Amino acid sequence: MNIDLHSVAAHVLVTLARAQARGRAVRLDEIAESIEVRREDVREVVSQLHAEGHVDAYRMRVTMSGLAIAAALRGETLRAPRARRIARVAA
């Protein structure tokens, strides 16, 4: 099953922004569990978002640009990070 890392990134930004607004820290494993992906996938995405300046990976907080992206995603339905398998029926 393929992972859509762009979708994971959207989930990570929204999750971190919500937690930050509540004054709560979030761990990688919590994010991974909530969106049903591997911790390593979340770590990879957080590292990329950190390199792009959207997340402070050391503090697990969004930056101003990350907050702006998360705000733009507010109210949107985020895609599932994993593609759903479609059962094939033999004819």
Foldseek 3Di string as FASTA:
>chain_A
DAFDLVLLLLLLLLVQLVCVVVVHADDLVNSCVVLVHDSVSNVVSQVVCVVVQQADVVRSHGDPVSNVSSVVCPPPDGDRRDDDDDDDDDD
